[in-house]
């Protein structure tokens, strides 16, 4: 029997390292790995053992804390470690945002206090992410018209944030309130985060769920079984353009064609105030080996060229609303997004 603790993607051991649930092996194997050096943290983020924009931001701070033990707490050493971790996955906004914030505040202290500060900072951000997940779920559930079946893409549950999740947390809240009766999840190729992770989480939540190939989304939406599409995000530009797992843009186009709402659920840390439009969002392209097979199983020849972007950008004018922990943002997005970024992101003092 799976417990809530089984869904925990990360545990912090201050001064030592982090223990993670290896998401690349789920649901077949539930293996936990202890990461005690910076290179291991970077590898875990790059290989998707650890994933989800909010979660890798928190893991990135932990990586910086670990690095401060490995390489020292002097400014030059910390900046070098921070740069390397930030570069491990370029699209997720939280990775750069939280590490930069941690580094800036850390460098205001004496070198002797920096390691402990970084661990405390990571612990605080994880706890605040859990609180924000609850707020996103409650706000999202107030949206009218989310009834019957909903469709989601990729993975946005506890495994992606360390809390309740974003889009999947809204779906869970709507189900608990009796507003929806089924969640449809795409496989999310090529690494099957929907099939492996979201379906597993939905099973633990007790929510009736149906899996579909990514290519069946048009058929499903046109069938009338879907009242809304709800996904997460990895980076949001000031005009509302949003980067999320590859395939999200197509779902937004389909939702618009069939006149059903398309929602993004994400904490305000996902908003990049330095990105004016989606054209400014860096898109990660991954290795061709991920396409034409899965794990060690291959169904193509070994030497193939593959187009394998990890994310695409959905234009803001296709997004019905963006659900944050502070409020539900409606288009046109420039003004409400600018306003929400002026919040203290976590609503309390930053001293730790």
Protein backbone atom coordinates (compact mmCIF):
# COMPACT_ATOMS: atom_id res chain seq x y z
CA UNK A 1 0.00 0.00 0.00
CA UNK A 2 1.35 3.42 -0.98
CA UNK A 3 1.35 6.10 1.72
CA UNK A 4 1.66 9.88 1.46
CA UNK A 5 5.30 9.52 2.47
CA UNK A 6 5.87 7.29 -0.57
CA UNK A 7 4.97 10.28 -2.75
CA UNK A 8 7.59 12.54 -1.12
CA UNK A 9 10.08 13.40 -3.87
CA UNK A 10 12.73 14.97 -1.63
CA UNK A 11 13.98 14.92 1.95
CA UNK A 12 16.52 17.38 3.31
CA UNK A 13 19.34 16.25 5.60
CA UNK A 14 20.86 19.55 6.60
CA UNK A 15 24.62 19.61 6.39
CA UNK A 16 24.74 16.23 4.65
CA UNK A 17 22.70 16.05 1.46
CA UNK A 18 19.26 15.22 0.08
CA UNK A 19 17.41 11.96 -0.41
CA UNK A 20 15.27 11.84 -3.55
CA UNK A 21 12.74 9.48 -5.02
CA UNK A 22 14.20 8.50 -8.42
CA UNK A 23 11.36 9.56 -10.72
CA UNK A 24 13.05 8.11 -13.79
CA UNK A 25 12.30 4.61 -12.47
CA UNK A 26 8.68 5.11 -11.36
CA UNK A 27 6.29 3.42 -11.06
CA UNK A 28 8.11 0.13 -11.64
CA UNK A 29 10.77 0.82 -9.02
CA UNK A 30 10.44 3.04 -5.96
CA UNK A 31 14.09 3.74 -5.32
CA UNK A 32 15.44 6.49 -3.09
CA UNK A 33 18.89 7.91 -3.75
CA UNK A 34 21.02 9.93 -1.36
CA UNK A 35 22.80 12.83 -3.07
CA UNK A 36 25.75 14.22 -1.14
CA UNK A 37 27.74 16.14 -3.74
CA UNK A 38 26.97 18.90 -6.22
CA UNK A 39 27.63 16.80 -9.32
CA UNK A 40 25.09 14.20 -8.16
CA UNK A 41 22.44 16.91 -7.72
CA UNK A 42 23.13 18.29 -11.21
CA UNK A 43 23.00 14.81 -12.73
CA UNK A 44 19.72 14.06 -10.96
CA UNK A 45 18.17 17.25 -12.35
CA UNK A 46 19.45 16.67 -15.88
CA UNK A 47 18.40 13.00 -15.98
CA UNK A 48 14.93 13.78 -14.56
CA UNK A 49 15.47 11.69 -11.47
CA UNK A 50 14.33 14.93 -9.89
CA UNK A 51 11.95 17.12 -11.89
CA UNK A 52 9.16 19.70 -11.76
CA UNK A 53 10.00 23.41 -11.91
CA UNK A 54 9.22 24.23 -8.25
CA UNK A 55 11.00 21.13 -6.96
CA UNK A 56 14.21 21.54 -8.92
CA UNK A 57 14.40 25.13 -7.70
CA UNK A 58 14.43 23.86 -4.12
CA UNK A 59 16.86 21.08 -5.02
CA UNK A 60 19.09 23.69 -6.64
CA UNK A 61 19.37 25.59 -3.35
CA UNK A 62 20.30 22.30 -1.66
CA UNK A 63 22.93 21.75 -4.35
CA UNK A 64 24.37 25.18 -3.56
CA UNK A 65 24.40 24.33 0.16
CA UNK A 66 26.18 21.06 -0.58
CA UNK A 67 28.62 22.93 -2.81
CA UNK A 68 29.41 25.34 0.01
CA UNK A 69 30.69 22.36 1.99
CA UNK A 70 32.62 20.91 -0.96
CA UNK A 71 34.21 24.03 -2.38
CA UNK A 72 33.99 26.56 0.42
CA UNK A 73 31.78 29.52 1.22
CA UNK A 74 33.81 32.27 -0.44
CA UNK A 75 31.98 34.39 -3.03
CA UNK A 76 33.84 33.11 -6.10
CA UNK A 77 33.35 29.45 -5.17
CA UNK A 78 29.63 29.88 -4.50
CA UNK A 79 29.05 31.83 -7.71
CA UNK A 80 30.77 29.11 -9.73
CA UNK A 81 28.62 26.36 -8.18
CA UNK A 82 25.43 28.43 -8.63
CA UNK A 83 26.16 29.03 -12.33
CA UNK A 84 26.73 25.34 -12.96
CA UNK A 85 23.50 24.25 -11.26
CA UNK A 86 21.42 26.94 -12.98
CA UNK A 87 22.72 25.77 -16.36
CA UNK A 88 21.63 22.17 -15.78
CA UNK A 89 18.10 22.85 -17.07
CA UNK A 90 17.55 26.22 -18.75
CA UNK A 91 13.76 26.45 -19.13
CA UNK A 92 12.44 26.06 -15.58
CA UNK A 93 12.35 29.54 -14.04
CA UNK A 94 12.52 28.49 -10.39
CA UNK A 95 15.96 26.94 -10.76
CA UNK A 96 17.64 30.24 -11.61
CA UNK A 97 15.31 32.43 -9.56
CA UNK A 98 15.65 30.61 -6.24
CA UNK A 99 19.37 29.93 -6.53
CA UNK A 100 20.02 33.58 -7.40
CA UNK A 101 17.92 34.74 -4.45
CA UNK A 102 19.67 32.30 -2.11
CA UNK A 103 23.10 33.35 -3.35
CA UNK A 104 22.41 37.07 -3.00
CA UNK A 105 21.14 36.74 0.57
CA UNK A 106 23.88 34.29 1.47
CA UNK A 107 26.63 36.65 0.37
CA UNK A 108 25.30 39.33 2.71
CA UNK A 109 26.45 37.13 5.60
CA UNK A 110 29.92 36.25 6.84
CA UNK A 111 31.39 33.09 5.21
CA UNK A 112 31.03 31.20 8.48
CA UNK A 113 27.23 31.56 8.45
CA UNK A 114 26.59 30.81 4.78
CA UNK A 115 26.30 27.02 4.77
CA UNK A 116 23.72 26.93 7.55
CA UNK A 117 21.81 29.78 5.95
CA UNK A 118 21.52 27.91 2.63
CA UNK A 119 20.14 24.79 4.28
CA UNK A 120 17.63 26.82 6.29
CA UNK A 121 16.67 28.74 3.15
CA UNK A 122 15.99 25.52 1.20
CA UNK A 123 13.93 24.13 4.08
CA UNK A 124 11.87 27.31 4.25
CA UNK A 125 11.22 27.40 0.51
CA UNK A 126 10.02 23.79 0.56
CA UNK A 127 7.58 24.54 3.36
CA UNK A 128 6.32 27.67 1.64
CA UNK A 129 5.87 25.77 -1.62
CA UNK A 130 3.60 23.35 0.23
CA UNK A 131 1.53 26.26 1.52
CA UNK A 132 1.32 27.82 -1.94
CA UNK A 133 0.20 24.52 -3.47
CA UNK A 134 -2.79 24.51 -1.11
CA UNK A 135 -3.67 28.09 -2.07
CA UNK A 136 -3.47 27.29 -5.79
CA UNK A 137 -5.75 24.28 -5.32
CA UNK A 138 -8.38 26.26 -3.39
CA UNK A 139 -8.38 29.14 -5.87
CA UNK A 140 -8.49 26.87 -8.91
CA UNK A 141 -11.46 24.96 -7.54
CA UNK A 142 -13.50 28.19 -7.50
CA UNK A 143 -13.47 28.37 -11.30
CA UNK A 144 -16.88 27.60 -12.74
CA UNK A 145 -17.42 25.08 -15.49
CA UNK A 146 -14.87 22.49 -14.38
CA UNK A 147 -17.20 19.51 -14.34
CA UNK A 148 -17.27 15.92 -15.54
CA UNK A 149 -13.95 15.17 -17.17
CA UNK A 150 -10.76 17.24 -17.21
CA UNK A 151 -7.57 16.72 -19.22
CA UNK A 152 -4.04 17.28 -17.97
CA UNK A 153 -0.60 16.94 -19.51
CA UNK A 154 2.77 15.87 -18.10
CA UNK A 155 3.05 15.76 -14.29
CA UNK A 156 2.00 18.47 -11.84
CA UNK A 157 1.31 16.58 -8.61
CA UNK A 158 3.32 16.04 -5.42
CA UNK A 159 6.26 14.64 -7.38
CA UNK A 160 6.70 17.98 -9.15
CA UNK A 161 6.60 20.34 -6.16
CA UNK A 162 7.17 18.49 -2.90
CA UNK A 163 3.69 19.61 -1.76
CA UNK A 164 0.29 18.81 -3.25
CA UNK A 165 1.19 19.97 -6.73
CA UNK A 166 -0.24 22.67 -8.98
CA UNK A 167 -2.64 21.61 -11.76
CA UNK A 168 -3.12 18.15 -10.27
CA UNK A 169 -3.81 19.69 -6.85
CA UNK A 170 -6.66 21.69 -8.42
CA UNK A 171 -7.99 18.53 -10.04
CA UNK A 172 -7.85 16.72 -6.69
CA UNK A 173 -9.69 19.58 -4.96
CA UNK A 174 -12.38 19.65 -7.66
CA UNK A 175 -12.82 15.89 -7.35
CA UNK A 176 -13.08 16.07 -3.55
CA UNK A 177 -15.75 18.74 -3.92
CA UNK A 178 -17.68 16.47 -6.29
CA UNK A 179 -17.31 18.75 -9.31
CA UNK A 180 -15.43 16.33 -11.57
CA UNK A 181 -15.71 12.59 -11.95
CA UNK A 182 -12.65 11.70 -14.05
CA UNK A 183 -9.20 12.93 -14.97
CA UNK A 184 -7.74 12.16 -18.39
CA UNK A 185 -3.95 12.17 -18.61
CA UNK A 186 -1.75 12.14 -21.70
CA UNK A 187 1.16 9.73 -21.85
CA UNK A 188 3.45 12.75 -22.39
CA UNK A 189 6.04 11.42 -24.75
CA UNK A 190 8.87 10.76 -25.08
CA UNK A 191 9.62 10.16 -21.37
CA UNK A 192 6.05 9.28 -20.34
CA UNK A 193 5.71 11.52 -17.28
CA UNK A 194 1.93 11.37 -17.63
CA UNK A 195 1.76 7.59 -17.99
CA UNK A 196 4.35 6.80 -15.34
CA UNK A 197 3.91 9.57 -12.78
CA UNK A 198 0.53 11.30 -13.11
CA UNK A 199 -1.44 8.07 -13.47
CA UNK A 200 0.37 6.68 -10.43
CA UNK A 201 -0.43 9.78 -8.39
CA UNK A 202 -4.07 9.75 -9.49
CA UNK A 203 -4.31 6.13 -8.38
CA UNK A 204 -2.96 7.06 -4.92
CA UNK A 205 -5.47 9.92 -4.73
CA UNK A 206 -8.34 7.61 -5.60
CA UNK A 207 -9.39 9.72 -8.58
CA UNK A 208 -10.85 7.79 -11.53
CA UNK A 209 -8.37 8.24 -14.37
CA UNK A 210 -7.99 7.41 -18.03
CA UNK A 211 -4.69 7.39 -19.93
CA UNK A 212 -4.46 8.40 -23.58
CA UNK A 213 -1.72 8.65 -26.19
CA UNK A 214 -0.73 12.25 -26.86
CA UNK A 215 -2.01 11.83 -30.41
CA UNK A 216 -5.51 10.97 -29.13
CA UNK A 217 -6.03 14.36 -27.47
CA UNK A 218 -7.84 15.88 -30.46
CA UNK A 219 -10.25 12.97 -30.61
CA UNK A 220 -10.93 13.12 -26.88
CA UNK A 221 -11.51 16.88 -26.76
CA UNK A 222 -13.80 16.79 -29.80
CA UNK A 223 -15.84 14.00 -28.17
CA UNK A 224 -17.31 16.41 -25.62
CA UNK A 225 -16.02 14.45 -22.61
CA UNK A 226 -13.68 17.24 -21.49
CA UNK A 227 -14.84 20.40 -19.68
CA UNK A 228 -11.39 21.94 -19.27
CA UNK A 229 -7.67 21.42 -19.84
CA UNK A 230 -5.43 22.21 -16.85
CA UNK A 231 -1.63 22.08 -17.02
CA UNK A 232 1.33 23.45 -15.13
CA UNK A 233 4.14 25.69 -16.36
CA UNK A 234 7.91 25.95 -16.28
CA UNK A 235 8.24 29.64 -17.16
CA UNK A 236 5.71 32.42 -17.76
CA UNK A 237 6.52 35.62 -19.64
CA UNK A 238 5.09 39.00 -18.66
CA UNK A 239 2.60 38.92 -21.56
CA UNK A 240 1.24 35.52 -20.47
CA UNK A 241 3.11 33.36 -22.98
CA UNK A 242 3.87 30.15 -21.13
CA UNK A 243 6.48 27.41 -21.54
CA UNK A 244 5.39 23.94 -20.48
CA UNK A 245 6.06 20.34 -21.45
CA UNK A 246 6.16 19.76 -25.20
CA UNK A 247 2.63 19.16 -26.48
CA UNK A 248 0.98 21.79 -24.29
CA UNK A 249 0.70 24.30 -27.13
CA UNK A 250 -1.22 21.79 -29.23
CA UNK A 251 -3.67 21.15 -26.40
CA UNK A 252 -4.29 24.88 -26.04
CA UNK A 253 -5.03 25.17 -29.77
CA UNK A 254 -7.45 22.23 -29.53
CA UNK A 255 -9.19 23.67 -26.47
CA UNK A 256 -9.60 27.00 -28.25
CA UNK A 257 -10.97 25.28 -31.38
CA UNK A 258 -13.59 23.42 -29.32
CA UNK A 259 -14.42 26.34 -27.04
CA UNK A 260 -13.36 24.84 -23.73
CA UNK A 261 -11.17 26.65 -21.16
CA UNK A 262 -7.44 26.11 -21.06
CA UNK A 263 -5.91 26.85 -17.64
CA UNK A 264 -2.33 27.18 -16.40
CA UNK A 265 -1.64 26.54 -12.71
CA UNK A 266 1.70 27.76 -11.36
CA UNK A 267 3.21 29.63 -8.41
CA UNK A 268 4.39 33.19 -8.97
CA UNK A 269 7.98 31.93 -8.86
CA UNK A 270 7.33 30.57 -12.37
CA UNK A 271 6.84 34.11 -13.72
CA UNK A 272 9.98 35.53 -15.28
CA UNK A 273 9.79 39.32 -15.06
CA UNK A 274 12.77 39.55 -17.44
CA UNK A 275 10.90 37.71 -20.24
CA UNK A 276 8.66 40.11 -22.14
CA UNK A 277 7.25 37.39 -24.43
CA UNK A 278 7.59 33.70 -25.09
CA UNK A 279 10.32 34.46 -27.63
CA UNK A 280 12.60 35.30 -24.70
CA UNK A 281 12.10 31.92 -23.01
CA UNK A 282 15.05 29.52 -23.45
CA UNK A 283 13.86 26.12 -24.65
CA UNK A 284 15.79 23.02 -23.64
CA UNK A 285 16.46 20.50 -26.40
CA UNK A 286 17.26 17.00 -25.22
CA UNK A 287 19.22 14.09 -26.64
CA UNK A 288 17.94 12.16 -29.66
CA UNK A 289 18.33 8.91 -27.72
CA UNK A 290 15.12 9.70 -25.81
CA UNK A 291 13.11 9.38 -29.04
CA UNK A 292 12.50 6.08 -30.78
CA UNK A 293 12.64 4.01 -27.63
CA UNK A 294 12.27 4.06 -23.86
CA UNK A 295 14.94 3.16 -21.33
CA UNK A 296 16.87 0.25 -22.90
CA UNK A 297 14.06 -0.74 -25.28
CA UNK A 298 14.56 0.55 -28.86
CA UNK A 299 12.13 0.41 -31.75
CA UNK A 300 14.16 2.46 -34.22
CA UNK A 301 17.66 2.09 -35.55
CA UNK A 302 20.31 3.29 -33.12
CA UNK A 303 21.52 6.16 -35.28
CA UNK A 304 18.61 8.54 -35.74
CA UNK A 305 18.29 12.30 -35.81
CA UNK A 306 15.39 13.47 -33.64
CA UNK A 307 13.67 16.78 -33.01
CA UNK A 308 13.32 16.64 -29.23
CA UNK A 309 12.46 19.93 -27.51
CA UNK A 310 11.48 19.36 -23.89
CA UNK A 311 9.06 22.32 -23.90
CA UNK A 312 6.94 24.47 -26.18
CA UNK A 313 5.45 27.93 -25.65
CA UNK A 314 1.70 28.53 -25.53
CA UNK A 315 0.73 32.09 -26.52
CA UNK A 316 -1.04 33.99 -23.76
CA UNK A 317 -4.09 34.64 -25.94
CA UNK A 318 -4.87 30.90 -25.88
CA UNK A 319 -4.81 30.74 -22.07
CA UNK A 320 -8.15 31.30 -20.34
CA UNK A 321 -6.59 32.04 -16.93
CA UNK A 322 -3.39 31.57 -14.95
CA UNK A 323 -3.98 30.32 -11.41
CA UNK A 324 -1.35 31.46 -8.89
CA UNK A 325 -1.23 31.29 -5.10
CA UNK A 326 -2.23 34.95 -4.88
CA UNK A 327 -5.03 35.24 -7.41
CA UNK A 328 -6.46 34.01 -10.69
CA UNK A 329 -5.01 36.10 -13.51
CA UNK A 330 -7.15 36.88 -16.55
CA UNK A 331 -6.13 38.24 -19.97
CA UNK A 332 -4.81 40.62 -21.10
CA UNK A 333 -1.98 39.46 -18.86
CA UNK A 334 0.60 42.26 -18.94
CA UNK A 335 -0.89 44.32 -16.11
CA UNK A 336 -2.05 41.54 -13.75
CA UNK A 337 1.21 39.60 -14.14
CA UNK A 338 3.28 42.72 -13.50
CA UNK A 339 1.18 43.44 -10.41
CA UNK A 340 1.42 39.92 -8.99
CA UNK A 341 5.21 39.88 -9.35
CA UNK A 342 5.34 42.86 -6.99
CA UNK A 343 4.16 40.61 -4.16
CA UNK A 344 6.66 39.29 -1.69
CA UNK A 345 6.48 35.87 -3.33
CA UNK A 346 6.09 34.06 -0.05
CA UNK A 347 4.22 36.65 1.95
CA UNK A 348 6.64 36.85 4.85
CA UNK A 349 10.08 38.03 5.88
CA UNK A 350 13.03 36.40 4.16
CA UNK A 351 15.31 36.09 7.15
CA UNK A 352 16.08 32.47 8.06
